[in-house]
Every structure is written in C-alpha cells, then in structure tokens.
Protein backbone atom coordinates (compact mmCIF):
# COMPACT_ATOMS: atom_id res chain seq x y z
CA MET A 1 -96.44 -64.59 6.12
CA ASN A 2 -94.57 -66.91 8.48
CA ASP A 3 -90.88 -67.75 8.58
CA ARG A 4 -91.24 -70.71 6.26
CA GLN A 5 -92.91 -68.59 3.63
CA ASP A 6 -90.12 -65.93 3.79
CA PRO A 7 -86.82 -67.56 2.96
CA TYR A 8 -84.95 -64.32 3.82
CA ALA A 9 -86.57 -63.76 7.19
CA HIS A 10 -83.60 -65.25 9.07
CA GLN A 11 -80.97 -64.01 6.69
CA PRO A 12 -78.81 -61.08 7.80
CA GLN A 13 -79.71 -57.95 6.01
CA VAL A 14 -77.17 -55.59 4.46
CA TYR A 15 -76.62 -52.53 6.61
CA GLY A 16 -73.89 -51.03 4.48
CA TYR A 17 -70.46 -51.65 2.99
CA ASP A 18 -67.08 -51.25 4.67
CA ALA A 19 -63.90 -49.58 3.33
CA TYR A 20 -62.97 -52.74 1.39
CA GLY A 21 -66.28 -53.03 -0.49
CA GLN A 22 -67.61 -55.91 1.69
CA PRO A 23 -71.25 -55.91 2.94
CA VAL A 24 -71.98 -55.31 6.59
CA TYR A 25 -74.95 -57.40 7.90
CA HIS A 26 -77.20 -57.24 10.94
CA PRO A 27 -80.14 -59.46 11.99
CA ASN A 28 -83.19 -57.30 11.26
CA ALA A 29 -82.31 -54.76 13.99
CA PRO A 30 -80.95 -51.60 12.57
CA GLU A 31 -79.15 -50.72 15.81
CA ARG A 32 -76.99 -53.88 15.79
CA VAL A 33 -74.08 -53.65 13.39
CA TYR A 34 -71.45 -56.32 12.68
CA ASP A 35 -67.93 -55.82 11.33
CA PRO A 36 -66.47 -57.86 8.45
CA TYR A 37 -65.19 -60.49 10.91
CA GLY A 38 -68.58 -61.24 12.38
CA GLN A 39 -68.03 -59.25 15.60
CA PRO A 40 -70.89 -57.03 16.83
CA VAL A 41 -70.10 -53.35 16.77
CA GLN A 42 -71.33 -51.60 19.88
CA GLN A 43 -72.27 -48.02 19.38
CA HIS A 44 -71.32 -45.77 22.24
CA SER A 45 -71.56 -42.16 22.76
CA PHE A 46 -68.58 -40.57 24.46
CA ALA A 47 -67.82 -36.96 24.83
CA PRO A 48 -64.57 -35.82 23.30
CA GLN A 49 -61.70 -35.87 25.75
CA GLU A 50 -59.09 -33.25 26.09
CA PRO A 51 -55.50 -34.39 26.01
CA GLY A 52 -54.59 -35.77 29.38
CA HIS A 53 -58.22 -36.90 30.22
CA GLY A 54 -59.90 -40.20 29.71
CA GLY A 55 -57.40 -42.29 27.81
CA GLY A 56 -54.42 -40.09 28.80
CA ALA A 57 -51.42 -39.61 26.62
CA TYR A 58 -51.24 -43.21 25.42
CA GLY A 59 -54.87 -44.18 24.69
CA GLY A 60 -58.52 -43.29 25.01
CA TYR A 61 -61.89 -43.33 23.38
CA ASP A 62 -62.61 -41.01 20.55
CA ALA A 63 -65.80 -39.06 19.99
CA ALA A 64 -67.30 -41.76 17.80
CA GLY A 65 -66.80 -44.42 20.42
CA GLY A 66 -63.64 -45.94 18.89
CA TYR A 67 -60.62 -46.82 21.05
CA ASP A 68 -57.21 -45.58 19.95
CA PRO A 69 -54.43 -47.28 21.96
CA TYR A 70 -51.86 -44.60 20.99
CA GLY A 71 -53.99 -41.60 21.70
CA MET A 72 -53.94 -40.47 18.10
CA PRO A 73 -56.90 -38.52 16.74
CA PRO A 74 -59.26 -40.88 14.86
CA GLN A 75 -59.78 -40.51 11.17
CA GLN A 76 -63.31 -39.47 10.42
CA GLN A 77 -65.03 -41.90 8.12
CA PRO A 78 -68.01 -40.72 6.17
CA GLN A 79 -71.22 -42.21 7.47
CA GLN A 80 -72.79 -44.54 4.98
CA GLU A 81 -76.47 -44.41 4.51
CA TRP A 82 -78.40 -47.60 5.15
CA ILE A 83 -79.43 -49.22 1.90
CA PRO A 84 -82.34 -51.71 1.94
CA ARG A 85 -81.55 -55.13 0.64
CA GLN A 86 -82.84 -55.85 -2.78
CA ALA A 87 -84.46 -59.07 -3.73
CA GLY A 88 -81.98 -61.65 -4.82
CA PRO A 89 -80.90 -65.26 -4.40
CA PRO A 90 -80.82 -66.75 -0.92
CA TYR A 91 -77.74 -65.88 1.14
CA THR A 92 -75.35 -68.70 1.67
CA GLU A 93 -72.78 -68.23 4.39
CA ALA A 94 -69.28 -68.77 3.27
CA PRO A 95 -67.44 -71.68 4.82
CA GLY A 96 -65.81 -70.71 8.07
CA ALA A 97 -68.18 -67.85 8.74
CA ARG A 98 -69.34 -67.59 12.30
CA GLU A 99 -72.48 -66.21 13.80
CA PRO A 100 -71.87 -63.11 15.85
CA GLU A 101 -71.11 -63.96 19.45
CA ALA A 102 -72.52 -61.98 22.28
CA PRO A 103 -69.94 -60.40 24.48
CA ALA A 104 -69.22 -62.15 27.76
CA PRO A 105 -70.68 -60.54 30.88
CA GLY A 106 -68.26 -57.94 32.26
CA ALA A 107 -65.99 -58.04 29.20
CA GLN A 108 -64.71 -54.85 27.69
CA PRO A 109 -66.69 -54.09 24.55
CA HIS A 110 -64.72 -54.23 21.34
CA GLU A 111 -64.62 -50.84 19.75
CA ALA A 112 -64.42 -50.20 16.06
CA GLY A 113 -61.29 -48.45 14.95
CA PRO A 114 -58.54 -48.64 12.42
CA GLN A 115 -57.60 -52.27 11.83
CA GLU A 116 -54.91 -53.87 9.75
CA PRO A 117 -56.44 -55.32 6.58
CA ARG A 118 -56.91 -59.07 6.86
CA ALA A 119 -57.08 -61.32 3.83
CA ARG A 120 -60.57 -62.76 3.21
CA ARG A 121 -60.92 -66.40 2.33
CA ARG A 122 -62.05 -66.97 -1.17
CA THR A 123 -64.38 -69.68 -2.20
CA PRO A 124 -63.14 -72.17 -4.73
CA GLY A 125 -63.19 -70.68 -8.20
CA GLU A 126 -63.53 -67.11 -6.95
CA VAL A 127 -61.44 -64.61 -8.91
CA PRO A 128 -59.42 -62.27 -6.65
CA ASP A 129 -60.50 -58.69 -6.67
CA SER A 130 -58.12 -56.09 -8.09
CA PRO A 131 -56.88 -53.37 -5.75
CA ALA A 132 -58.84 -50.83 -7.68
CA ALA A 133 -62.04 -52.83 -7.39
CA ALA A 134 -61.43 -53.34 -3.66
CA GLY A 135 -61.16 -49.61 -3.15
CA TYR A 136 -57.64 -49.49 -1.76
CA GLN A 137 -56.24 -46.09 -0.83
CA THR A 138 -52.67 -44.97 -1.41
CA GLU A 139 -52.10 -44.27 2.27
CA GLN A 140 -52.68 -47.98 3.03
CA PHE A 141 -49.41 -48.96 1.28
CA SER A 142 -45.83 -48.66 2.48
CA PHE A 143 -43.18 -47.83 -0.10
CA ILE A 144 -39.49 -48.64 0.10
CA GLU A 145 -37.16 -45.83 -1.02
CA GLU A 146 -34.77 -46.80 -3.73
CA PRO A 147 -31.20 -45.46 -3.30
CA ASP A 148 -30.36 -42.66 -5.70
CA GLU A 149 -27.32 -40.50 -6.45
CA ASP A 150 -27.95 -38.33 -3.38
CA SER A 151 -27.39 -41.15 -0.94
CA GLU A 152 -24.40 -41.01 1.42
CA ASP A 153 -22.34 -43.55 -0.49
CA VAL A 154 -22.81 -41.77 -3.80
CA ILE A 155 -22.01 -38.35 -2.31
CA ASP A 156 -18.86 -39.65 -0.66
CA TRP A 157 -17.72 -41.23 -3.92
CA LEU A 158 -18.38 -38.01 -5.85
CA LYS A 159 -16.42 -35.98 -3.28
CA PHE A 160 -13.52 -38.41 -3.44
CA SER A 161 -13.47 -38.34 -7.24
CA GLU A 162 -13.69 -34.54 -7.34
CA SER A 163 -10.92 -33.99 -4.76
CA ARG A 164 -8.64 -36.44 -6.55
CA THR A 165 -9.23 -34.62 -9.83
CA GLU A 166 -8.52 -31.26 -8.22
CA ARG A 167 -5.31 -32.51 -6.68
CA ARG A 168 -4.17 -33.86 -10.01
CA ASP A 169 -4.97 -30.54 -11.72
CA GLU A 170 -3.18 -28.62 -8.95
CA ARG A 171 -0.06 -30.75 -9.39
CA LYS A 172 -0.09 -30.06 -13.12
CA ARG A 173 -0.54 -26.30 -12.50
CA LYS A 174 2.36 -26.16 -10.04
CA GLY A 175 4.52 -28.09 -12.46
CA ARG A 176 3.82 -25.59 -15.22
CA ASN A 177 4.55 -22.66 -12.86
CA ARG A 178 7.89 -24.18 -11.89
CA VAL A 179 8.85 -24.60 -15.52
CA VAL A 180 7.91 -20.99 -16.33
CA ALA A 181 9.82 -19.64 -13.28
CA LEU A 182 12.88 -21.67 -14.20
CA ALA A 183 12.76 -20.33 -17.75
CA VAL A 184 12.49 -16.73 -16.50
CA VAL A 185 15.45 -17.21 -14.13
CA LEU A 186 17.55 -18.65 -16.91
CA VAL A 187 16.69 -15.79 -19.27
CA LEU A 188 17.53 -13.18 -16.62
CA ALA A 189 20.79 -14.92 -15.74
CA LEU A 190 21.85 -15.10 -19.38
CA GLY A 191 20.85 -11.48 -19.95
CA GLY A 192 22.79 -10.30 -16.88
CA ALA A 193 25.86 -12.26 -17.90
CA ALA A 194 25.72 -10.85 -21.41
CA ALA A 195 25.34 -7.29 -20.11
CA TYR A 196 28.24 -7.75 -17.70
CA LEU A 197 30.50 -9.11 -20.42
CA PHE A 198 29.51 -6.33 -22.79
CA LEU A 199 30.00 -3.50 -20.33
CA GLY A 200 33.09 -4.92 -18.65
CA GLY A 201 34.78 -6.12 -21.83
CA SER A 202 34.17 -3.06 -23.97
CA ASP A 203 34.75 -0.32 -21.42
CA GLY A 204 35.49 -1.12 -17.76
CA LYS A 205 35.32 2.53 -16.70
CA LYS A 206 31.96 2.95 -18.36
CA GLY A 207 30.65 -0.09 -16.54
CA ALA A 208 31.86 1.27 -13.19
CA ALA A 209 30.23 4.60 -13.89
CA ALA A 210 26.97 2.91 -14.76
CA ALA A 211 27.13 0.93 -11.55
CA GLY A 212 27.77 4.14 -9.59
CA ALA A 213 24.82 5.87 -11.22
CA GLY A 214 22.53 3.02 -10.20
CA GLN A 215 23.34 3.34 -6.49
CA LYS A 216 20.74 4.46 -3.99
CA ARG A 217 21.51 7.80 -2.34
CA ASP A 218 19.84 10.13 0.11
CA VAL A 219 21.00 13.74 -0.39
CA ILE A 220 20.02 16.86 1.56
CA VAL A 221 21.51 20.36 1.29
CA VAL A 222 22.34 22.36 4.44
CA HIS A 223 22.88 26.12 4.49
CA LEU A 224 24.78 27.59 7.45
CA ARG A 225 23.68 31.23 7.47
CA GLN A 226 25.42 33.78 9.65
CA THR A 227 23.14 36.18 11.48
CA ARG A 228 26.09 38.58 11.82
CA GLY A 229 27.66 39.62 8.54
CA GLY A 230 25.16 37.87 6.25
CA GLY A 231 27.52 35.23 4.93
CA SER A 232 26.58 31.62 4.25
CA SER A 233 28.17 28.23 3.77
CA THR A 234 26.60 25.35 1.82
CA ALA A 235 27.19 21.60 1.96
CA LEU A 236 25.56 18.44 0.65
CA LEU A 237 25.06 15.56 3.12
CA VAL A 238 25.19 12.38 1.04
CA ASP A 239 24.09 9.00 2.41
CA ASN A 240 24.99 6.23 -0.04
CA GLU A 241 22.87 3.28 1.07
CA THR A 242 24.38 0.99 -1.57
CA THR A 243 28.01 1.39 -0.53
CA GLY A 244 27.27 2.16 3.13
CA LYS A 245 29.30 5.38 3.12
CA GLY A 246 28.50 8.97 4.03
CA THR A 247 30.05 12.14 2.59
CA THR A 248 29.85 15.87 3.23
CA VAL A 249 30.39 17.68 -0.10
CA LEU A 250 31.28 21.35 0.55
CA LEU A 251 30.17 23.80 -2.17
CA PRO A 252 32.06 27.09 -2.65
CA ASN A 253 29.98 30.26 -2.87
CA THR A 254 31.65 31.08 -6.19
CA LEU A 255 29.94 28.12 -7.87
CA ALA A 256 27.91 29.39 -10.82
CA VAL A 257 24.25 28.30 -10.78
CA ALA A 258 21.16 29.28 -12.73
CA LYS A 259 19.06 32.15 -11.43
CA ASP A 260 15.54 31.68 -10.23
CA GLY A 261 13.32 31.39 -13.32
CA GLY A 262 16.20 30.41 -15.59
CA ALA A 263 16.94 33.99 -16.73
CA GLY A 264 20.71 33.91 -16.59
CA SER A 265 22.98 32.63 -13.84
CA THR A 266 24.38 33.75 -10.51
CA THR A 267 26.73 32.50 -7.82
CA LEU A 268 25.74 30.05 -5.14
CA GLY A 269 26.31 32.59 -2.35
CA LYS A 270 24.03 35.16 -4.00
CA SER A 271 21.41 32.53 -4.78
CA VAL A 272 21.17 31.57 -1.09
CA GLN A 273 20.82 35.19 -0.03
CA ASP A 274 18.56 36.45 -2.82
CA ASP A 275 16.58 33.48 -4.16
CA GLY A 276 16.20 31.35 -1.03
CA THR A 277 16.57 27.66 -0.27
CA GLY A 278 13.98 26.31 -2.73
CA ALA A 279 15.33 28.08 -5.82
CA THR A 280 18.92 27.26 -4.81
CA ARG A 281 18.05 23.57 -4.44
CA ASP A 282 16.52 23.52 -7.92
CA ALA A 283 19.57 25.29 -9.38
CA LEU A 284 21.94 22.76 -7.81
CA ASN A 285 19.88 19.85 -9.12
CA THR A 286 20.04 21.35 -12.59
CA LEU A 287 23.79 21.95 -12.40
CA LEU A 288 24.86 18.66 -10.83
CA GLY A 289 22.20 16.36 -12.25
CA SER A 290 21.62 15.05 -8.72
CA ASP A 291 18.47 14.37 -6.74
CA ILE A 292 18.52 16.56 -3.63
CA LYS A 293 15.63 15.53 -1.39
CA GLY A 294 15.29 18.63 0.77
CA SER A 295 16.90 21.74 2.27
CA TRP A 296 17.95 22.40 5.86
CA ARG A 297 18.53 26.04 6.79
CA LEU A 298 20.79 26.03 9.84
CA ASP A 299 21.31 29.55 11.10
CA THR A 300 24.26 30.06 13.47
CA PRO A 301 22.10 30.27 16.66
CA TYR A 302 20.58 26.88 15.80
CA LEU A 303 24.02 25.37 15.19
CA GLU A 304 25.09 26.61 18.61
CA ASN A 305 22.02 25.01 20.23
CA LEU A 306 22.54 21.76 18.30
CA VAL A 307 26.10 21.41 19.57
CA GLU A 308 24.90 22.01 23.14
CA LEU A 309 22.10 19.44 22.75
CA VAL A 310 24.54 16.70 21.72
CA GLY A 311 26.85 17.52 24.64
CA GLY A 312 29.59 19.38 22.79
CA ILE A 313 31.96 18.18 20.08
CA GLU A 314 35.64 17.47 19.52
CA ALA A 315 37.67 18.64 16.50
CA ASP A 316 41.25 19.07 15.38
CA THR A 317 41.47 22.84 15.06
CA ASP A 318 44.01 24.22 12.55
CA THR A 319 44.16 27.83 13.78
CA ASP A 320 43.41 30.15 16.68
CA VAL A 321 40.09 31.95 16.43
CA PRO A 322 40.30 35.42 18.00
CA GLY A 323 37.62 36.85 20.25
CA GLU A 324 35.00 39.30 19.12
CA LYS A 325 36.48 42.24 20.99
CA GLN A 326 39.99 43.53 20.66
CA GLY A 327 42.08 42.38 23.54
CA ASP A 328 40.06 39.27 24.24
CA GLY A 329 41.83 35.93 24.17
CA PRO A 330 41.24 33.40 21.41
CA VAL A 331 37.82 31.78 21.44
CA VAL A 332 39.27 28.60 19.96
CA ARG A 333 42.89 27.54 20.26
CA ARG A 334 44.72 25.46 17.76
CA GLY A 335 45.20 21.85 18.77
CA THR A 336 44.19 18.19 18.46
CA ALA A 337 40.86 16.85 19.75
CA ARG A 338 39.80 20.22 21.10
CA SER A 339 36.51 20.22 23.01
CA LEU A 340 34.17 22.82 21.53
CA SER A 341 31.02 24.21 23.04
CA GLY A 342 28.22 25.60 20.93
CA ARG A 343 29.64 29.13 20.85
CA MET A 344 33.13 27.88 20.08
CA ALA A 345 31.86 25.55 17.30
CA VAL A 346 30.07 28.42 15.57
CA ALA A 347 33.15 30.66 15.80
CA TYR A 348 35.41 27.97 14.33
CA ALA A 349 32.95 26.95 11.52
CA THR A 350 32.55 30.54 10.28
CA TYR A 351 36.12 31.83 10.71
CA ARG A 352 38.09 32.93 7.63
CA GLY A 353 41.49 34.41 8.41
CA PRO A 354 43.09 37.34 6.58
CA GLY A 355 44.28 36.26 3.13
CA GLU A 356 42.69 32.83 3.33
CA ASP A 357 40.63 31.50 0.48
CA GLU A 358 37.11 30.27 0.93
CA GLY A 359 38.22 26.65 0.95
CA LYS A 360 39.80 27.02 4.39
CA GLN A 361 36.59 28.23 5.98
CA LEU A 362 34.57 25.51 4.22
CA THR A 363 36.91 22.86 5.57
CA ARG A 364 36.32 24.09 9.15
CA PHE A 365 32.58 24.03 8.57
CA GLY A 366 32.88 20.44 7.34
CA GLN A 367 34.84 19.48 10.47
CA VAL A 368 32.11 20.84 12.72
CA MET A 369 29.32 19.09 10.80
CA GLN A 370 31.08 15.71 10.91
CA ALA A 371 31.81 16.14 14.64
CA VAL A 372 28.12 16.93 15.25
CA LEU A 373 27.04 13.81 13.35
CA LYS A 374 29.32 11.67 15.53
CA LYS A 375 27.48 12.90 18.61
CA MET A 376 23.96 12.64 17.15
CA PRO A 377 21.79 9.68 18.22
CA ALA A 378 21.89 6.82 15.73
CA ASP A 379 18.18 5.94 16.04
CA GLY A 380 15.56 7.91 14.21
CA ALA A 381 13.27 8.64 17.17
CA SER A 382 16.03 10.13 19.35
CA ALA A 383 17.50 12.13 16.45
CA THR A 384 14.05 13.50 15.65
CA ARG A 385 13.57 14.61 19.28
CA THR A 386 16.93 16.40 19.11
CA VAL A 387 15.87 18.25 15.95
CA GLU A 388 12.51 19.11 17.51
CA SER A 389 14.32 20.59 20.50
CA LEU A 390 15.85 23.21 18.17
CA ALA A 391 12.33 24.65 17.72
CA GLN A 392 13.13 25.86 14.21
CA ILE A 393 10.62 26.06 11.38
CA PRO A 394 11.41 23.23 8.93
CA ASP A 395 11.63 23.78 5.20
CA PRO A 396 8.55 22.47 3.32
CA SER A 397 10.78 20.07 1.39
CA LEU A 398 12.13 18.38 4.53
CA SER A 399 9.97 17.68 7.58
CA THR A 400 11.35 17.29 11.09
CA GLU A 401 10.82 13.52 10.98
CA GLN A 402 12.59 13.19 7.63
CA LEU A 403 15.51 15.31 8.79
CA GLY A 404 15.80 13.29 12.02
CA ALA A 405 15.82 9.99 10.10
CA SER A 406 18.51 11.24 7.67
CA LEU A 407 20.74 12.58 10.44
CA ALA A 408 20.39 9.33 12.42
CA HIS A 409 21.57 7.25 9.46
CA LEU A 410 24.46 9.61 8.77
CA ALA A 411 25.36 9.49 12.48
CA ALA A 412 25.58 5.69 12.36
CA LEU A 413 28.02 5.94 9.42
CA ALA A 414 30.10 8.63 11.16
CA LYS A 415 30.35 6.61 14.40
CA LYS A 416 31.83 3.58 12.63
CA GLY A 417 34.24 5.62 10.50
CA SER A 418 32.45 5.29 7.14
CA TYR A 419 32.30 9.04 6.62
CA ALA A 420 34.38 11.59 4.69
CA THR A 421 34.41 15.31 3.87
CA ALA A 422 35.41 16.81 0.51
CA VAL A 423 35.34 20.23 -1.19
CA LEU A 424 33.86 20.45 -4.69
CA PRO A 425 36.61 21.85 -6.98
CA VAL A 426 35.37 24.96 -8.78
CA GLN A 427 37.29 26.70 -11.55
CA GLN A 428 38.13 30.38 -11.49
CA ASP A 429 35.09 31.23 -13.59
CA GLY A 430 32.77 29.31 -11.26
CA THR A 431 32.26 26.34 -13.53
CA LEU A 432 33.07 22.69 -12.84
CA GLY A 433 35.90 21.16 -14.79
CA GLU A 434 36.81 17.59 -15.64
CA LYS A 435 38.22 16.97 -12.18
CA ALA A 436 34.90 17.71 -10.51
CA THR A 437 32.90 15.99 -13.22
CA GLY A 438 34.78 12.69 -13.07
CA GLY A 439 35.22 12.72 -9.30
CA LEU A 440 32.73 13.96 -6.75
CA VAL A 441 29.81 14.69 -9.05
CA LYS A 442 29.72 11.31 -10.77
CA ASP A 443 31.08 9.00 -8.08
CA VAL A 444 29.66 10.58 -4.93
CA LEU A 445 26.54 12.31 -6.19
CA GLY A 446 25.82 10.00 -9.14
CA GLY A 447 25.11 13.00 -11.37
CA THR A 448 26.37 14.65 -14.52
CA VAL A 449 27.56 18.26 -14.80
CA ARG A 450 25.74 20.24 -17.45
CA ASN A 451 27.89 23.39 -17.66
CA THR A 452 30.92 21.70 -19.23
CA ASP A 453 29.46 21.63 -22.73
CA PRO A 454 31.90 23.56 -24.94
CA ASN A 455 29.11 24.51 -27.32
CA ALA A 456 27.01 26.07 -24.55
CA ALA A 457 26.38 29.80 -24.58
CA PRO A 458 29.04 31.81 -22.70
CA ARG A 459 28.23 33.01 -19.20
CA VAL A 460 28.47 36.77 -18.90
CA SER A 461 28.81 38.61 -15.59
CA VAL A 462 27.45 42.17 -15.52
CA LYS A 463 28.83 44.55 -12.91
CA ASN A 464 27.26 47.96 -12.43
CA ALA A 465 29.77 50.81 -12.23
CA THR A 466 27.61 53.58 -13.71
CA GLY A 467 26.59 55.08 -10.40
CA GLY A 468 22.93 54.41 -11.12
CA LYS A 469 20.62 51.37 -10.87
CA GLY A 470 18.72 51.02 -14.12
CA ALA A 471 21.67 50.56 -16.48
CA ALA A 472 22.68 47.11 -15.19
CA THR A 473 19.14 45.77 -15.45
CA SER A 474 18.81 46.98 -19.02
CA ALA A 475 22.15 45.37 -19.98
CA GLN A 476 21.17 42.03 -18.41
CA ILE A 477 17.86 41.98 -20.30
CA THR A 478 19.62 42.73 -23.59
CA LEU A 479 22.11 39.90 -23.10
CA VAL A 480 19.45 37.35 -22.03
CA ASN A 481 17.38 38.17 -25.11
CA SER A 482 20.46 37.53 -27.22
CA GLY A 483 20.90 34.02 -25.81
CA TYR A 484 23.62 34.61 -23.23
CA SER A 485 23.64 33.20 -19.72
CA VAL A 486 23.91 36.20 -17.41
CA ILE A 487 25.40 36.40 -13.92
CA ASP A 488 24.68 39.34 -11.67
CA GLY A 489 28.09 40.79 -10.79
CA GLY A 490 26.71 43.25 -8.29
CA THR A 491 27.59 46.92 -7.94
CA ALA A 492 31.10 48.40 -7.94
CA SER A 493 32.27 50.46 -5.01
CA GLY A 494 32.97 53.42 -7.27
CA ALA A 495 31.77 54.71 -10.62
CA GLU A 496 33.83 54.10 -13.77
CA THR A 497 34.01 56.51 -16.68
CA ALA A 498 34.42 53.95 -19.48
CA SER A 499 32.90 50.52 -19.80
CA ALA A 500 35.05 47.38 -20.22
CA VAL A 501 34.49 43.86 -21.54
CA LEU A 502 37.05 41.46 -20.00
CA TYR A 503 38.00 37.86 -20.74
CA ALA A 504 40.71 35.61 -19.30
CA ASP A 505 40.84 32.73 -21.79
CA GLU A 506 41.93 33.53 -25.33
CA LYS A 507 39.25 31.18 -26.58
CA ARG A 508 36.67 33.65 -25.29
CA ALA A 509 38.02 36.67 -27.22
CA ALA A 510 35.56 36.34 -30.08
CA GLN A 511 32.67 35.92 -27.65
CA ALA A 512 33.79 39.06 -25.75
CA ARG A 513 33.71 41.09 -28.97
CA GLU A 514 30.19 39.80 -29.70
CA VAL A 515 29.07 40.84 -26.20
CA ALA A 516 30.45 44.34 -26.70
CA LYS A 517 28.67 44.65 -30.05
CA THR A 518 25.39 43.44 -28.46
CA LEU A 519 25.59 46.12 -25.74
CA GLY A 520 26.61 48.85 -28.19
CA LEU A 521 30.07 49.29 -26.71
CA PRO A 522 33.11 50.18 -28.82
CA ALA A 523 35.59 47.47 -29.87
CA GLY A 524 38.26 49.15 -27.73
CA ALA A 525 36.32 48.16 -24.61
CA VAL A 526 37.25 44.51 -25.14
CA LYS A 527 40.37 43.62 -23.13
CA ARG A 528 42.09 40.55 -21.83
CA ALA A 529 42.59 40.36 -18.08
CA GLU A 530 44.36 37.90 -15.81
CA GLU A 531 41.24 37.48 -13.74
CA ALA A 532 37.87 37.96 -15.35
CA GLY A 533 35.77 36.78 -12.43
CA THR A 534 33.67 33.67 -12.26
CA ALA A 535 32.11 34.03 -15.72
CA ASP A 536 33.44 33.48 -19.22
CA VAL A 537 33.14 37.19 -19.99
CA THR A 538 32.85 40.04 -17.47
CA VAL A 539 31.22 43.34 -18.36
CA VAL A 540 31.90 46.44 -16.24
CA LEU A 541 29.36 49.13 -17.17
CA GLY A 542 30.66 52.69 -16.97
CA LYS A 543 29.03 56.08 -17.38
CA ASP A 544 29.42 55.86 -21.17
CA TYR A 545 26.89 53.01 -21.40
CA LYS A 546 23.63 54.20 -22.87
CA GLY A 547 21.29 51.30 -22.22
C-alpha cells in the first residue's frame, strides 16, 4: 500500500499523553518525541551529578536528561507506556499548529523539564475542559491565606482590650479596698473614743491603772549572794519601754513567798538559799503578778570583777565601812561621789551596821547597782562582752546575750538620768499592804498582789523549839492538810518546855485558837504578842508537843 492508499501514513502517531491529558505525537519513529508545543524532545542519557558537579549549585542536568536551572532535584514522572493509535477519523491539525522544527546546528538542545502550564487555544465551539477532566494536581495551585483571628492586628486588639479591662477592674478593686479601710479606721476611732470617754469619765484612776498595766516592761531578778556569811540581797531590774524609765525595786528578805511546790510559804531570804533561783522567780511571779523574764545570780566575787571591768564606780556613801580585821582602817569612808573599786563596792553593798534594819543595807546595794549600770556600755554587743568576761555560768532562764542586751538598755536609761531605786514596803508579817499594792507593784511592775485578800487562809509560821527535828515537819504537814499556808520559821537556839501560839493582830485571835486546836495544843498556849514574826500566826513548838 502506497502513501495515497494510507491516509494516515503521514499523520503523526500518538506516542502517549502528557500531564494535562493532551496526546504526544511523533512521525512514525518511536525514538522521536514531541512536547505539547510541537518541540522535539531529545532524549539524553546523563549520569547523576553530585552536588557541586556538572550544573553546580545553581543548575545542571538531572538523571533523566532534564535541565533544572535552580539545581533542584527533578520530580520523577511515571513513564507512560506507548499505546498504538487506534483507527479513527483523519487527523486535522488545529489552526496555529506548527510542524516540529529541527534544532539549529550548534544550538543547545531543549530539555524537557517542569514548565509553567500554558493555555491551549480552543477551536470555535470547543467546550473548555474542567480541571478534574484535565487532571490538575493540587500542588499546581497557589492559595492565598485569608486573615484570621490569630493575625497580628487581631492579637494586638485583643491584648489592648484585655489590658484595658484589667485596668478597669483593678481600679474598681482598689476603690473598694479604700472604702473598706476607711470604714475600719472610722470604726476603730469611734471605738477608741468611746472607750476613752467611758474609762476617763467613770473612773480616772481606773483608766490610769489600765494604761499602766498595758505598758511593755522587761523585768529580771538579780540575787547578790555573799560567799562569806551566806546572806543574800534581791532586787528587780525593771525596764519600762513604754515610759522610757528604769527602776531598781529592792525586795526585803522578810517578804513572804510561796514555797517550792506550793506547800506553804517561806521568806524570800530562805527561798533563795533553800529553793534556788528558779523556784524563787516563780514564787515572786505568783506573789506580785508580774512577768519576770529571767534570773541573774551575782555572787560577791563576780560583783567585784564587774566593777573592775567597768573601770570602778562612784557613789554617795552614807557610812564608814570598817575593815575585816580589828585595827584596820575603814574600807569605805563616808562622803559624796566616792570612787569605789571592786572590793570596796562589795563591802559597801553588803554592809549592815549594828542596830540597822535591812532597808539600810538594801539601799546601799541599790546604790552600787545603779552606779554599775551608769558605767556599763550602752550597746548590746559591748555589754555582752563585759558579761562574758565574768566567766560565770548563766541561769537557764537568761542567756549571756539576753542579759547583755537588758543591761545595755538599762545603762542607756541610767546615763541620761531616767533611772530610780526604790524599796518594796513589806509589813511586819511579811505581806504587802495597800501602800505596796497601789504603788510599786501596780505602777512600776504592772502587777497585782495576791496576798492581800482578807478571806485568804492565814499564814502560819512554825518554829522548832523541841530540841529534835521530826516534830516541826509533822506540825507543818498537819497544818498544810488543814488548809493553812505554812512558813518555815526555822529552829530556835534553845529548847522550850511549853509550846506557844502567838498573834499580833486581834483580828487573828480566832484563827490562832483554831491553829492550836488543829495541833492538839491547849487553849492556854494561845497568847497575844507585840511581835509575832512575819506570819499571821506564829507557832513555837516546845517539848510538850506530841506530833
């Protein structure tokens, strides 16, 4: 069959279809392939190039022979199998179609590669293909992002709105707090004014006492104990932080206090010697209603060292203090602003002349303590180093640092003249009367005396004059079991044949008779005496007592 007999002999045959569904033709030779634009596709065989070879970093030929100007790895397209052309109507070239042109000699062959899609001309009356029919892929489209609520403008607006709302809420909250605070201040002010008017208008003295009780005080008790003779002297060092005043309150040894354990009562001097500093501090707190922070046991050798550490003291001495040996001159001479060394200060603080009451010796002790405070450092660190230099064992209730801080504050008050010394007035029976209750105890110590209750059980002193030891203990136990407060009167120098129950106040006569009946003594043993000791009733046990 010749060319005239075969109308399709010169027609391009279909080699395959491209990515857009268009046929790819070639003129009878399977090795010649044309692209959709009528350009011949030259098939080359190139070996894959490593990066940096062939095309370099910006271009090169891929393994399939395609040229990538940006050096990107080519997308692998599945090879399409050649499909023979089926019999059909003669092929009519669309208007504008060109025959494939041979490449010019020496020209660079055009390589197949990714191309931008180009719109194909449609013949008149041809219906455009749908994207789905044309086989479009999703990666061939470019999408434009629509702004959403996470964009910068929206975020900024939300932040602005939120911060403005928070500021408005914060202003409202502060306004409410101010209103509440103002209301509280007004209520407190009205309440304070009402309390002041009530207390001051109804009872001015009661209001002053209440104000004194509410003051802040720092109280420590100091015991000056004599290593020779066994005597002791006791004082309270009071630092009133509210009023800015300091006071030394001297306590006589005849002061009646409760015994250790609460079984009866004893004198302050005996409590220091027998019960120790801890029990004596508790007894004083119970008696005075005060709050004593700690105890300071200052034996005479330590007082001597303390005076030497502060460089000596000055005091107005009221008497001559004789020497220890007969014939020696006075250790301390009477005079004004006398300079005292440590040995002289101890001699003056412990001296009690013939016929003098205890108050005289206590006053001298108070003079020495106030003079020592004037010479103590006024800062806590220096005062603490001074106390540490004494090398004494501190009481568990008062450490060296606490004692140094208290002495430093008292020293500051003594240096500027805001310091005083007073003796606590004690009645003949050892109790505290109205003078002590309304004066030093309430105003200086801020306490309340508990032994002035007229309905309280009488305090009975038991003195052993039997010549033995067991009788006094038996009598004390009997009286305590009967509800009496018992004071140990000690032992008489000589034995007595008959027992006696003595009282000084006529109001105590009935109580004395009850005490005699409790001990099994005859009614004739009850007698009135001018001095009945420090107790309400004094019992002197003789040999006739059968306990």
